[in-house]
Amino acid sequence: MLDLPKVTNEIYTRTFPLLHESDPTLKLEPKPWIFGENPDPQRMRMIMLENMVAHKGLGLSANQIGMPVQVFSMYVTDEDGIVCFNPKIVGESDEKVVMKEGCLSFPELYLKIQRPKEIWVKYQNADGDIINAHFEDLAARIFHHEMDHMMGKTFIDKVSRVFLQSARRKQKKLLRKGRQNGRTD
């Protein structure tokens, strides 16, 4: 059973620290969310949305904040965020798109990743309802990226060692530059 923070004075959540890329939790396949056994899914929904916003992400997997369950949040539009419990990809388009991606657990690391332009998915919302959806472009990419986390994979698993080494050199420069400019995130 998952231990969620206690509700006090109407405050439902708190910001959890992001796990560093070296944390073994990110390489483990999270367990399914069991409605009726795990704590309040509405509270989990709020935790995921508020942490995604606090960490300035387009998506956030529960295992990235130390909760090894199959739950993630993501933006579908600039303003609308959703939380997916027990998500699955049920179909993908043949058309692929290569774009630069980052990941909150890998600060300042950006990799060109090929992903399907469109995907068809199934997940449960916080009420336990099964949702069938179709995403394309950026929303499809975000869902797919977060689904990788649901399988204990990260975006570095999708590139060659040569490309990763090159990106790591750029990452070091960006991190150094950020520290020089007083950034701490």
C-alpha atoms as a PDB file:
ATOM      1  CA  MET A   1       0.000   0.000   0.000  1.00  0.00           C
ATOM      2  CA  LEU A   2       1.215   3.478  -0.871  1.00  0.00           C
ATOM      3  CA  ASP A   3       1.689   5.998   1.932  1.00  0.00           C
ATOM      4  CA  LEU A   4       0.388   9.408   0.822  1.00  0.00           C
ATOM      5  CA  PRO A   5       0.958  12.575   2.852  1.00  0.00           C
ATOM      6  CA  LYS A   6      -1.668  13.336   5.479  1.00  0.00           C
ATOM      7  CA  VAL A   7      -4.316  15.952   4.787  1.00  0.00           C
ATOM      8  CA  THR A   8      -4.071  18.877   7.188  1.00  0.00           C
ATOM      9  CA  ASN A   9      -5.844  22.235   7.073  1.00  0.00           C
ATOM     10  CA  GLU A  10      -7.224  21.554   3.581  1.00  0.00           C
ATOM     11  CA  ILE A  11      -3.691  21.278   2.173  1.00  0.00           C
ATOM     12  CA  TYR A  12      -3.665  18.129   0.107  1.00  0.00           C
ATOM     13  CA  THR A  13      -0.147  17.923  -1.135  1.00  0.00           C
ATOM     14  CA  ARG A  14       3.398  18.943  -0.769  1.00  0.00           C
ATOM     15  CA  THR A  15       6.193  19.101  -3.250  1.00  0.00           C
ATOM     16  CA  PHE A  16       8.238  15.942  -3.323  1.00  0.00           C
ATOM     17  CA  PRO A  17      11.859  16.076  -4.460  1.00  0.00           C
ATOM     18  CA  LEU A  18      12.623  14.643  -7.871  1.00  0.00           C
ATOM     19  CA  LEU A  19      14.639  11.452  -7.874  1.00  0.00           C
ATOM     20  CA  HIS A  20      18.041  11.819  -9.478  1.00  0.00           C
ATOM     21  CA  GLU A  21      18.691   9.813 -12.629  1.00  0.00           C
ATOM     22  CA  SER A  22      20.931   7.437 -10.664  1.00  0.00           C
ATOM     23  CA  ASP A  23      18.138   6.399  -8.270  1.00  0.00           C
ATOM     24  CA  PRO A  24      17.339   2.701  -8.868  1.00  0.00           C
ATOM     25  CA  THR A  25      13.606   3.394  -8.434  1.00  0.00           C
ATOM     26  CA  LEU A  26      13.566   4.837 -11.956  1.00  0.00           C
ATOM     27  CA  LYS A  27      14.727   1.491 -13.372  1.00  0.00           C
ATOM     28  CA  LEU A  28      12.027  -0.546 -11.637  1.00  0.00           C
ATOM     29  CA  GLU A  29       8.646  -1.216 -13.197  1.00  0.00           C
ATOM     30  CA  PRO A  30       6.078   0.465 -10.924  1.00  0.00           C
ATOM     31  CA  LYS A  31       3.177  -1.557  -9.529  1.00  0.00           C
ATOM     32  CA  PRO A  32      -0.366  -1.037 -10.820  1.00  0.00           C
ATOM     33  CA  TRP A  33      -2.568   1.366  -8.867  1.00  0.00           C
ATOM     34  CA  ILE A  34      -5.200  -0.723  -7.113  1.00  0.00           C
ATOM     35  CA  PHE A  35      -8.417   1.204  -6.589  1.00  0.00           C
ATOM     36  CA  GLY A  36      -9.891   0.453  -3.187  1.00  0.00           C
ATOM     37  CA  GLU A  37      -6.558  -0.724  -1.799  1.00  0.00           C
ATOM     38  CA  ASN A  38      -4.293   2.286  -2.370  1.00  0.00           C
ATOM     39  CA  PRO A  39      -5.201   5.531  -0.571  1.00  0.00           C
ATOM     40  CA  ASP A  40      -7.479   8.223  -1.958  1.00  0.00           C
ATOM     41  CA  PRO A  41      -6.933   8.459  -5.741  1.00  0.00           C
ATOM     42  CA  GLN A  42      -8.262  12.040  -5.755  1.00  0.00           C
ATOM     43  CA  ARG A  43      -5.460  13.019  -3.399  1.00  0.00           C
ATOM     44  CA  MET A  44      -2.955  11.193  -5.620  1.00  0.00           C
ATOM     45  CA  ARG A  45      -4.357  13.120  -8.584  1.00  0.00           C
ATOM     46  CA  MET A  46      -3.715  16.424  -6.781  1.00  0.00           C
ATOM     47  CA  ILE A  47      -0.216  15.340  -5.731  1.00  0.00           C
ATOM     48  CA  MET A  48       0.681  14.517  -9.322  1.00  0.00           C
ATOM     49  CA  LEU A  49      -0.720  17.715 -10.835  1.00  0.00           C
ATOM     50  CA  GLU A  50       0.738  20.003  -8.184  1.00  0.00           C
ATOM     51  CA  ASN A  51       4.166  18.361  -8.365  1.00  0.00           C
ATOM     52  CA  MET A  52       4.171  18.541 -12.164  1.00  0.00           C
ATOM     53  CA  VAL A  53       3.508  22.273 -11.917  1.00  0.00           C
ATOM     54  CA  ALA A  54       5.998  22.798  -9.056  1.00  0.00           C
ATOM     55  CA  HIS A  55       8.768  21.032 -10.992  1.00  0.00           C
ATOM     56  CA  LYS A  56       7.840  22.860 -14.223  1.00  0.00           C
ATOM     57  CA  GLY A  57       7.248  19.679 -16.196  1.00  0.00           C
ATOM     58  CA  LEU A  58       5.051  18.798 -19.142  1.00  0.00           C
ATOM     59  CA  GLY A  59       4.616  15.395 -17.542  1.00  0.00           C
ATOM     60  CA  LEU A  60       5.592  13.630 -14.338  1.00  0.00           C
ATOM     61  CA  SER A  61       5.646   9.977 -13.391  1.00  0.00           C
ATOM     62  CA  ALA A  62       4.892   8.967  -9.797  1.00  0.00           C
ATOM     63  CA  ASN A  63       8.144   7.001  -9.620  1.00  0.00           C
ATOM     64  CA  GLN A  64      10.061  10.216 -10.331  1.00  0.00           C
ATOM     65  CA  ILE A  65       8.917  11.488  -6.932  1.00  0.00           C
ATOM     66  CA  GLY A  66       9.502   8.210  -5.131  1.00  0.00           C
ATOM     67  CA  MET A  67       6.100   6.553  -5.503  1.00  0.00           C
ATOM     68  CA  PRO A  68       6.519   3.312  -7.462  1.00  0.00           C
ATOM     69  CA  VAL A  69       2.962   3.060  -8.833  1.00  0.00           C
ATOM     70  CA  GLN A  70       1.615   3.255 -12.384  1.00  0.00           C
ATOM     71  CA  VAL A  71       0.404   6.842 -12.278  1.00  0.00           C
ATOM     72  CA  PHE A  72       1.533   9.896 -14.196  1.00  0.00           C
ATOM     73  CA  SER A  73       0.363  13.408 -14.912  1.00  0.00           C
ATOM     74  CA  MET A  74       0.715  15.274 -18.177  1.00  0.00           C
ATOM     75  CA  TYR A  75      -0.450  18.316 -20.053  1.00  0.00           C
ATOM     76  CA  VAL A  76      -2.794  17.616 -22.935  1.00  0.00           C
ATOM     77  CA  THR A  77      -3.044  21.316 -23.857  1.00  0.00           C
ATOM     78  CA  ASP A  78      -1.302  24.409 -22.517  1.00  0.00           C
ATOM     79  CA  GLU A  79      -3.838  24.598 -19.700  1.00  0.00           C
ATOM     80  CA  ASP A  80      -5.328  21.135 -19.237  1.00  0.00           C
ATOM     81  CA  GLY A  81      -3.526  18.529 -17.197  1.00  0.00           C
ATOM     82  CA  ILE A  82      -4.664  14.944 -16.728  1.00  0.00           C
ATOM     83  CA  VAL A  83      -3.608  12.149 -14.421  1.00  0.00           C
ATOM     84  CA  CYS A  84      -3.454   8.629 -15.816  1.00  0.00           C
ATOM     85  CA  PHE A  85      -3.761   5.601 -13.539  1.00  0.00           C
ATOM     86  CA  ASN A  86      -2.655   2.219 -14.966  1.00  0.00           C
ATOM     87  CA  PRO A  87      -2.006   3.630 -18.468  1.00  0.00           C
ATOM     88  CA  LYS A  88      -1.490   1.550 -21.597  1.00  0.00           C
ATOM     89  CA  ILE A  89      -0.693   2.334 -25.213  1.00  0.00           C
ATOM     90  CA  VAL A  90      -3.031   0.282 -27.390  1.00  0.00           C
ATOM     91  CA  GLY A  91      -1.988   1.585 -30.815  1.00  0.00           C
ATOM     92  CA  GLU A  92       0.598   3.739 -32.559  1.00  0.00           C
ATOM     93  CA  SER A  93       0.771   5.420 -35.936  1.00  0.00           C
ATOM     94  CA  ASP A  94       3.334   4.260 -38.460  1.00  0.00           C
ATOM     95  CA  GLU A  95       4.433   7.866 -38.889  1.00  0.00           C
ATOM     96  CA  LYS A  96       7.312   8.747 -36.559  1.00  0.00           C
ATOM     97  CA  VAL A  97       8.650  12.131 -35.513  1.00  0.00           C
ATOM     98  CA  VAL A  98      12.084  13.006 -34.126  1.00  0.00           C
ATOM     99  CA  MET A  99      12.167  15.775 -31.538  1.00  0.00           C
ATOM    100  CA  LYS A 100      14.391  16.939 -28.724  1.00  0.00           C
ATOM    101  CA  GLU A 101      13.226  15.743 -25.292  1.00  0.00           C
ATOM    102  CA  GLY A 102      14.223  16.395 -21.736  1.00  0.00           C
ATOM    103  CA  CYS A 103      13.308  14.698 -18.468  1.00  0.00           C
ATOM    104  CA  LEU A 104      12.891  16.206 -15.015  1.00  0.00           C
ATOM    105  CA  SER A 105      15.112  13.510 -13.465  1.00  0.00           C
ATOM    106  CA  PHE A 106      17.907  14.380 -15.922  1.00  0.00           C
ATOM    107  CA  PRO A 107      18.393  18.158 -15.576  1.00  0.00           C
ATOM    108  CA  GLU A 108      19.639  19.940 -18.697  1.00  0.00           C
ATOM    109  CA  LEU A 109      19.986  16.711 -20.695  1.00  0.00           C
ATOM    110  CA  TYR A 110      18.286  16.884 -24.086  1.00  0.00           C
ATOM    111  CA  LEU A 111      18.127  14.035 -26.567  1.00  0.00           C
ATOM    112  CA  LYS A 112      16.622  13.644 -30.017  1.00  0.00           C
ATOM    113  CA  ILE A 113      14.095  10.836 -29.678  1.00  0.00           C
ATOM    114  CA  GLN A 114      11.952   9.207 -32.348  1.00  0.00           C
ATOM    115  CA  ARG A 115       8.371   8.542 -31.290  1.00  0.00           C
ATOM    116  CA  PRO A 116       5.047   7.876 -33.039  1.00  0.00           C
ATOM    117  CA  LYS A 117       3.189  10.968 -34.236  1.00  0.00           C
ATOM    118  CA  GLU A 118      -0.106   9.549 -32.913  1.00  0.00           C
ATOM    119  CA  ILE A 119      -1.040   7.039 -30.235  1.00  0.00           C
ATOM    120  CA  TRP A 120      -4.223   5.444 -28.965  1.00  0.00           C
ATOM    121  CA  VAL A 121      -4.291   4.880 -25.223  1.00  0.00           C
ATOM    122  CA  LYS A 122      -6.330   3.549 -22.347  1.00  0.00           C
ATOM    123  CA  TYR A 123      -6.052   4.603 -18.706  1.00  0.00           C
ATOM    124  CA  GLN A 124      -8.158   5.109 -15.610  1.00  0.00           C
ATOM    125  CA  ASN A 125      -8.963   8.498 -14.169  1.00  0.00           C
ATOM    126  CA  ALA A 126      -9.024   9.206 -10.420  1.00  0.00           C
ATOM    127  CA  ASP A 127     -12.619   7.951 -10.245  1.00  0.00           C
ATOM    128  CA  GLY A 128     -11.537   4.599 -11.681  1.00  0.00           C
ATOM    129  CA  ASP A 129     -13.338   5.194 -14.980  1.00  0.00           C
ATOM    130  CA  ILE A 130     -11.646   3.718 -18.044  1.00  0.00           C
ATOM    131  CA  ILE A 131     -10.723   6.414 -20.534  1.00  0.00           C
ATOM    132  CA  ASN A 132      -9.905   5.658 -24.179  1.00  0.00           C
ATOM    133  CA  ALA A 133      -8.079   8.527 -25.850  1.00  0.00           C
ATOM    134  CA  HIS A 134      -6.170   9.508 -28.961  1.00  0.00           C
ATOM    135  CA  PHE A 135      -3.176  11.837 -28.701  1.00  0.00           C
ATOM    136  CA  GLU A 136      -1.004  13.322 -31.385  1.00  0.00           C
ATOM    137  CA  ASP A 137       2.082  15.464 -31.701  1.00  0.00           C
ATOM    138  CA  LEU A 138       3.362  16.815 -28.349  1.00  0.00           C
ATOM    139  CA  ALA A 139       0.655  15.142 -26.237  1.00  0.00           C
ATOM    140  CA  ALA A 140       1.495  11.774 -27.829  1.00  0.00           C
ATOM    141  CA  ARG A 141       5.177  12.346 -27.113  1.00  0.00           C
ATOM    142  CA  ILE A 142       4.542  13.247 -23.462  1.00  0.00           C
ATOM    143  CA  PHE A 143       2.289  10.227 -22.906  1.00  0.00           C
ATOM    144  CA  HIS A 144       4.848   7.934 -24.560  1.00  0.00           C
ATOM    145  CA  HIS A 145       7.709   9.417 -22.499  1.00  0.00           C
ATOM    146  CA  GLU A 146       5.783   8.873 -19.259  1.00  0.00           C
ATOM    147  CA  MET A 147       4.814   5.351 -20.375  1.00  0.00           C
ATOM    148  CA  ASP A 148       8.530   4.564 -20.604  1.00  0.00           C
ATOM    149  CA  HIS A 149       8.727   5.382 -16.884  1.00  0.00           C
ATOM    150  CA  MET A 150       5.874   2.909 -16.324  1.00  0.00           C
ATOM    151  CA  MET A 151       8.145   0.206 -17.763  1.00  0.00           C
ATOM    152  CA  GLY A 152      11.233   1.156 -15.754  1.00  0.00           C
ATOM    153  CA  LYS A 153      12.829   2.853 -18.756  1.00  0.00           C
ATOM    154  CA  THR A 154      14.047   6.373 -19.336  1.00  0.00           C
ATOM    155  CA  PHE A 155      14.686   8.372 -22.471  1.00  0.00           C
ATOM    156  CA  ILE A 156      18.430   7.647 -22.338  1.00  0.00           C
ATOM    157  CA  ASP A 157      17.553   4.016 -23.133  1.00  0.00           C
ATOM    158  CA  LYS A 158      16.399   5.190 -26.576  1.00  0.00           C
ATOM    159  CA  VAL A 159      19.683   6.606 -27.888  1.00  0.00           C
ATOM    160  CA  SER A 160      23.073   5.218 -28.799  1.00  0.00           C
ATOM    161  CA  ARG A 161      26.033   5.547 -26.469  1.00  0.00           C
ATOM    162  CA  VAL A 162      27.709   7.992 -28.881  1.00  0.00           C
ATOM    163  CA  PHE A 163      24.707  10.343 -28.939  1.00  0.00           C
ATOM    164  CA  LEU A 164      24.333  10.082 -25.172  1.00  0.00           C
ATOM    165  CA  GLN A 165      28.008  10.966 -24.587  1.00  0.00           C
ATOM    166  CA  SER A 166      27.679  14.017 -26.822  1.00  0.00           C
ATOM    167  CA  ALA A 167      24.517  15.124 -24.997  1.00  0.00           C
ATOM    168  CA  ARG A 168      26.241  14.582 -21.622  1.00  0.00           C
ATOM    169  CA  ARG A 169      29.012  17.017 -22.630  1.00  0.00           C
ATOM    170  CA  LYS A 170      26.384  19.629 -23.508  1.00  0.00           C
ATOM    171  CA  GLN A 171      24.556  18.870 -20.251  1.00  0.00           C
ATOM    172  CA  LYS A 172      27.709  19.567 -18.220  1.00  0.00           C
ATOM    173  CA  LYS A 173      28.141  22.921 -19.950  1.00  0.00           C
ATOM    174  CA  LEU A 174      24.514  23.875 -19.324  1.00  0.00           C
ATOM    175  CA  LEU A 175      24.698  22.859 -15.662  1.00  0.00           C
ATOM    176  CA  ARG A 176      27.941  24.793 -15.200  1.00  0.00           C
ATOM    177  CA  LYS A 177      26.430  27.844 -16.897  1.00  0.00           C
ATOM    178  CA  GLY A 178      23.309  27.563 -14.709  1.00  0.00           C
ATOM    179  CA  ARG A 179      25.386  27.480 -11.521  1.00  0.00           C
ATOM    180  CA  GLN A 180      27.361  30.511 -12.699  1.00  0.00           C
ATOM    181  CA  ASN A 181      24.092  32.370 -13.264  1.00  0.00           C
ATOM    182  CA  GLY A 182      22.862  31.469  -9.771  1.00  0.00           C
ATOM    183  CA  ARG A 183      20.268  28.911 -10.850  1.00  0.00           C
ATOM    184  CA  THR A 184      19.541  26.164  -8.384  1.00  0.00           C
ATOM    185  CA  ASP A 185      16.821  24.142 -10.159  1.00  0.00           C
END
